[in-house]
Protein backbone atom coordinates (compact mmCIF):
# COMPACT_ATOMS: atom_id res chain seq x y z
CA UNK A 1 0.00 0.00 0.00
CA UNK A 2 1.32 3.50 -0.78
CA UNK A 3 2.87 5.48 2.03
CA UNK A 4 0.50 7.56 4.13
CA UNK A 5 -2.54 5.93 2.53
CA UNK A 6 -5.17 3.98 4.39
CA UNK A 7 -8.71 2.74 3.98
CA UNK A 8 -10.92 5.53 5.19
CA UNK A 9 -13.87 5.62 7.51
CA UNK A 10 -16.29 8.33 8.50
CA UNK A 11 -15.20 11.23 10.65
CA UNK A 12 -18.28 10.57 12.76
CA UNK A 13 -16.94 9.18 15.99
CA UNK A 14 -17.73 9.98 19.57
CA UNK A 15 -16.11 13.01 21.19
CA UNK A 16 -16.61 11.37 24.55
CA UNK A 17 -14.73 8.19 25.53
CA UNK A 18 -17.75 7.16 27.54
CA UNK A 19 -19.99 7.23 24.46
CA UNK A 20 -18.08 5.31 21.80
CA UNK A 21 -19.35 4.23 18.40
CA UNK A 22 -18.36 0.93 16.84
CA UNK A 23 -16.47 2.75 14.08
CA UNK A 24 -14.77 5.49 16.07
CA UNK A 25 -14.04 3.86 19.41
CA UNK A 26 -11.58 6.05 21.29
CA UNK A 27 -8.73 3.83 22.42
CA UNK A 28 -5.83 6.29 22.22
CA UNK A 29 -4.76 7.26 25.74
CA UNK A 30 -3.77 10.81 24.82
CA UNK A 31 -7.17 11.47 23.27
CA UNK A 32 -8.96 9.89 26.21
CA UNK A 33 -7.14 12.23 28.61
CA UNK A 34 -8.38 15.43 26.96
CA UNK A 35 -10.97 17.66 28.59
CA UNK A 36 -14.23 18.07 26.71
CA UNK A 37 -13.36 21.59 25.54
CA UNK A 38 -10.23 20.36 23.74
CA UNK A 39 -11.95 17.24 22.44
CA UNK A 40 -14.61 19.39 20.81
CA UNK A 41 -11.88 21.29 18.96
CA UNK A 42 -9.76 18.33 17.88
CA UNK A 43 -12.12 15.43 17.23
CA UNK A 44 -14.14 16.98 14.38
CA UNK A 45 -10.86 17.61 12.54
CA UNK A 46 -9.67 13.99 12.67
CA UNK A 47 -10.37 11.05 10.41
CA UNK A 48 -10.71 7.48 11.61
CA UNK A 49 -8.53 5.27 9.39
CA UNK A 50 -7.60 1.60 9.19
CA UNK A 51 -3.91 0.80 9.01
CA UNK A 52 -2.51 -2.27 7.29
CA UNK A 53 0.42 -4.45 8.32
CA UNK A 54 3.77 -2.96 7.21
CA UNK A 55 2.18 0.27 6.04
CA UNK A 56 4.73 3.10 5.84
CA UNK A 57 3.48 6.26 7.54
CA UNK A 58 6.58 8.46 7.41
CA UNK A 59 9.93 8.33 5.61
CA UNK A 60 13.17 10.03 6.73
CA UNK A 61 13.67 13.42 5.15
CA UNK A 62 10.10 13.71 3.93
CA UNK A 63 7.67 16.41 5.06
CA UNK A 64 5.25 15.16 7.72
CA UNK A 65 1.79 15.95 6.38
CA UNK A 66 -0.34 13.82 8.69
CA UNK A 67 -0.10 12.78 12.31
CA UNK A 68 -1.58 9.60 13.80
CA UNK A 69 -3.06 8.93 17.22
CA UNK A 70 -2.89 5.13 17.21
CA UNK A 71 -6.04 3.52 18.50
CA UNK A 72 -4.91 -0.08 18.05
CA UNK A 73 -1.98 -1.80 16.42
CA UNK A 74 1.68 -0.92 16.61
CA UNK A 75 4.02 1.63 15.09
CA UNK A 76 7.76 1.03 14.75
CA UNK A 77 10.26 3.88 14.49
CA UNK A 78 13.29 2.86 12.45
CA UNK A 79 16.62 4.49 11.79
CA UNK A 80 18.21 3.69 8.44
CA UNK A 81 21.97 3.20 8.12
CA UNK A 82 23.97 4.18 5.01
CA UNK A 83 24.09 0.54 3.91
CA UNK A 84 20.29 0.43 3.89
CA UNK A 85 19.88 -1.67 7.04
CA UNK A 86 17.28 -0.57 9.54
CA UNK A 87 17.19 -0.80 13.33
CA UNK A 88 14.22 -0.08 15.53
CA UNK A 89 14.72 2.81 17.95
CA UNK A 90 11.16 3.24 19.17
CA UNK A 91 7.82 1.51 19.48
CA UNK A 92 4.39 2.99 20.10
CA UNK A 93 0.85 1.75 20.45
CA UNK A 94 -2.30 3.41 21.69
CA UNK A 95 -0.33 5.38 24.29
CA UNK A 96 1.16 7.73 21.76
CA UNK A 97 1.24 9.87 18.65
CA UNK A 98 3.15 9.50 15.39
CA UNK A 99 4.43 12.81 14.04
CA UNK A 100 6.10 14.31 17.11
CA UNK A 101 8.73 16.45 15.29
CA UNK A 102 6.03 18.91 14.19
CA UNK A 103 5.19 19.68 17.82
CA UNK A 104 8.65 21.19 18.21
CA UNK A 105 8.62 23.22 15.02
CA UNK A 106 10.19 20.72 12.63
CA UNK A 107 8.67 19.78 9.29
CA UNK A 108 10.38 16.52 8.30
CA UNK A 109 10.77 13.08 9.79
CA UNK A 110 14.17 11.78 10.85
CA UNK A 111 12.88 8.21 11.00
CA UNK A 112 10.94 5.66 9.01
CA UNK A 113 7.66 4.78 10.71
CA UNK A 114 6.04 1.45 9.81
CA UNK A 115 3.03 -0.34 11.24
CA UNK A 116 3.74 -3.77 12.70
CA UNK A 117 0.15 -4.98 12.80
CA UNK A 118 -3.24 -4.18 11.36
CA UNK A 119 -4.85 -1.47 13.42
CA UNK A 120 -6.75 1.79 13.49
CA UNK A 121 -5.82 5.39 14.12
CA UNK A 122 -7.12 8.92 14.14
CA UNK A 123 -5.38 10.86 11.42
CA UNK A 124 -5.08 14.63 11.54
CA UNK A 125 -3.54 16.99 9.03
CA UNK A 126 -0.48 18.67 10.53
CA UNK A 127 -1.57 22.15 9.45
CA UNK A 128 -4.84 21.61 11.31
CA UNK A 129 -3.14 20.25 14.41
CA UNK A 130 -0.75 23.20 14.61
CA UNK A 131 -3.64 25.61 14.17
CA UNK A 132 -5.62 24.30 17.12
CA UNK A 133 -2.75 23.28 19.40
CA UNK A 134 -2.37 26.75 21.02
CA UNK A 135 -5.96 26.37 22.25
CA UNK A 136 -5.34 22.86 23.61
CA UNK A 137 -2.86 23.10 26.51
CA UNK A 138 -3.61 19.62 27.83
CA UNK A 139 -3.05 18.06 24.40
CA UNK A 140 0.24 19.93 24.06
CA UNK A 141 1.33 18.75 27.50
CA UNK A 142 0.42 15.12 26.76
CA UNK A 143 2.33 15.21 23.46
CA UNK A 144 5.40 16.65 25.18
CA UNK A 145 5.22 13.98 27.88
CA UNK A 146 4.97 11.25 25.29
CA UNK A 147 8.01 12.66 23.49
CA UNK A 148 9.97 12.26 26.74
CA UNK A 149 8.81 8.67 27.13
CA UNK A 150 9.74 7.87 23.55
CA UNK A 151 13.12 9.55 23.96
CA UNK A 152 13.82 7.56 27.11
CA UNK A 153 12.80 4.38 25.29
CA UNK A 154 15.13 5.20 22.39
CA UNK A 155 18.03 5.81 24.77
CA UNK A 156 17.59 2.36 26.26
CA UNK A 157 17.15 0.67 22.89
CA UNK A 158 20.31 2.37 21.58
CA UNK A 159 22.27 -0.01 23.81
CA UNK A 160 21.06 -3.00 21.79
CA UNK A 161 24.59 -3.99 20.79
CA UNK A 162 25.37 -4.65 24.45
CA UNK A 163 22.85 -7.50 24.58
CA UNK A 164 22.66 -10.76 22.70
CA UNK A 165 19.94 -11.41 20.15
CA UNK A 166 17.89 -13.64 22.47
CA UNK A 167 17.66 -10.91 25.12
CA UNK A 168 16.74 -8.30 22.53
CA UNK A 169 14.12 -10.51 20.93
CA UNK A 170 12.52 -11.21 24.31
CA UNK A 171 12.47 -7.49 25.11
CA UNK A 172 10.94 -6.66 21.74
CA UNK A 173 8.23 -9.30 22.09
CA UNK A 174 7.34 -8.00 25.57
CA UNK A 175 7.04 -4.42 24.33
CA UNK A 176 4.93 -5.51 21.38
CA UNK A 177 2.73 -7.67 23.59
CA UNK A 178 2.17 -4.73 25.97
CA UNK A 179 0.80 -2.67 23.10
CA UNK A 180 -1.01 -5.18 20.90
CA UNK A 181 -2.37 -7.53 23.55
CA UNK A 182 -3.41 -11.05 22.64
CA UNK A 183 -1.01 -13.96 22.55
CA UNK A 184 -0.30 -14.26 18.81
CA UNK A 185 1.93 -11.70 17.11
CA UNK A 186 2.05 -11.72 13.26
CA UNK A 187 5.82 -11.60 12.75
CA UNK A 188 8.17 -13.00 10.12
CA UNK A 189 11.88 -13.81 10.48
CA UNK A 190 12.79 -11.11 7.99
CA UNK A 191 10.78 -8.45 9.79
CA UNK A 192 12.19 -9.39 13.20
CA UNK A 193 15.70 -9.27 11.79
CA UNK A 194 15.07 -5.73 10.52
CA UNK A 195 13.68 -4.62 13.87
CA UNK A 196 16.60 -6.05 15.83
CA UNK A 197 19.35 -5.17 13.36
CA UNK A 198 20.41 -8.82 13.16
CA UNK A 199 20.74 -11.59 10.60
CA UNK A 200 17.74 -13.85 9.98
CA UNK A 201 19.75 -16.86 11.11
CA UNK A 202 20.48 -15.15 14.44
CA UNK A 203 16.80 -14.38 14.96
CA UNK A 204 15.85 -17.97 14.14
CA UNK A 205 18.36 -19.23 16.70
CA UNK A 206 17.12 -16.80 19.35
CA UNK A 207 13.50 -17.78 18.73
CA UNK A 208 14.50 -21.42 19.09
CA UNK A 209 16.09 -20.72 22.47
CA UNK A 210 12.97 -18.93 23.72
CA UNK A 211 10.79 -21.74 22.44
CA UNK A 212 12.87 -24.39 24.23
CA UNK A 213 12.60 -22.30 27.40
CA UNK A 214 8.82 -22.50 27.13
CA UNK A 215 8.39 -18.74 26.65
CA UNK A 216 7.03 -18.72 23.08
CA UNK A 217 5.79 -20.87 20.25
CA UNK A 218 7.43 -19.87 17.00
CA UNK A 219 6.11 -20.77 13.58
CA UNK A 220 6.47 -19.29 10.13
CA UNK A 221 4.85 -15.87 10.16
CA UNK A 222 3.79 -15.69 13.80
CA UNK A 223 4.99 -15.84 17.40
CA UNK A 224 2.79 -17.03 20.25
CA UNK A 225 3.41 -15.83 23.80
CA UNK A 226 3.17 -18.98 25.95
CA UNK A 227 4.69 -17.87 29.26
CA UNK A 228 5.21 -14.15 29.79
CA UNK A 229 7.10 -14.70 33.03
CA UNK A 230 9.74 -16.78 31.27
CA UNK A 231 9.91 -14.20 28.50
CA UNK A 232 10.62 -11.48 31.08
CA UNK A 233 13.36 -13.64 32.59
CA UNK A 234 14.98 -13.94 29.17
CA UNK A 235 14.77 -10.24 28.35
CA UNK A 236 17.59 -7.71 28.64
CA UNK A 237 17.52 -5.16 31.47
CA UNK A 238 16.29 -2.47 29.07
CA UNK A 239 12.70 -3.61 29.36
CA UNK A 240 12.66 -3.34 33.16
CA UNK A 241 14.45 0.02 33.04
CA UNK A 242 11.93 1.44 30.56
CA UNK A 243 8.92 0.23 32.55
CA UNK A 244 10.37 1.44 35.86
CA UNK A 245 11.03 4.94 34.56
CA UNK A 246 7.65 5.08 32.87
CA UNK A 247 5.87 4.27 36.15
CA UNK A 248 8.00 6.76 38.04
CA UNK A 249 7.06 9.55 35.64
CA UNK A 250 3.39 8.57 35.73
CA UNK A 251 3.40 8.98 39.51
CA UNK A 252 5.21 12.32 39.27
CA UNK A 253 2.72 13.61 36.71
CA UNK A 254 -0.37 12.54 38.64
Foldseek 3Di string as FASTA:
>chain_A
DAEQDFAFDDLDFDLAQVDTDPQGRAQQPLSNPFDSVLSVLPSSQWTKGKDAAFHWHAAAPDFRFKKWQARAFKKFWWAADPVGFIETLFMDASHAMGDLVVLVPDGHDRTIITTHHIGMTIMHTSVSCVVCVVVGVSSSVSHVVVVVLRVLSSVLVVCLVVDAPLQVVLLVVVVNCVRHPDFKGQDALVRSCRHSVHDSVSNVVSLVVCVVQQQWDDDGGMIGGGDNVSSVVRHDCSNVVSVVVVVVVVVVVD
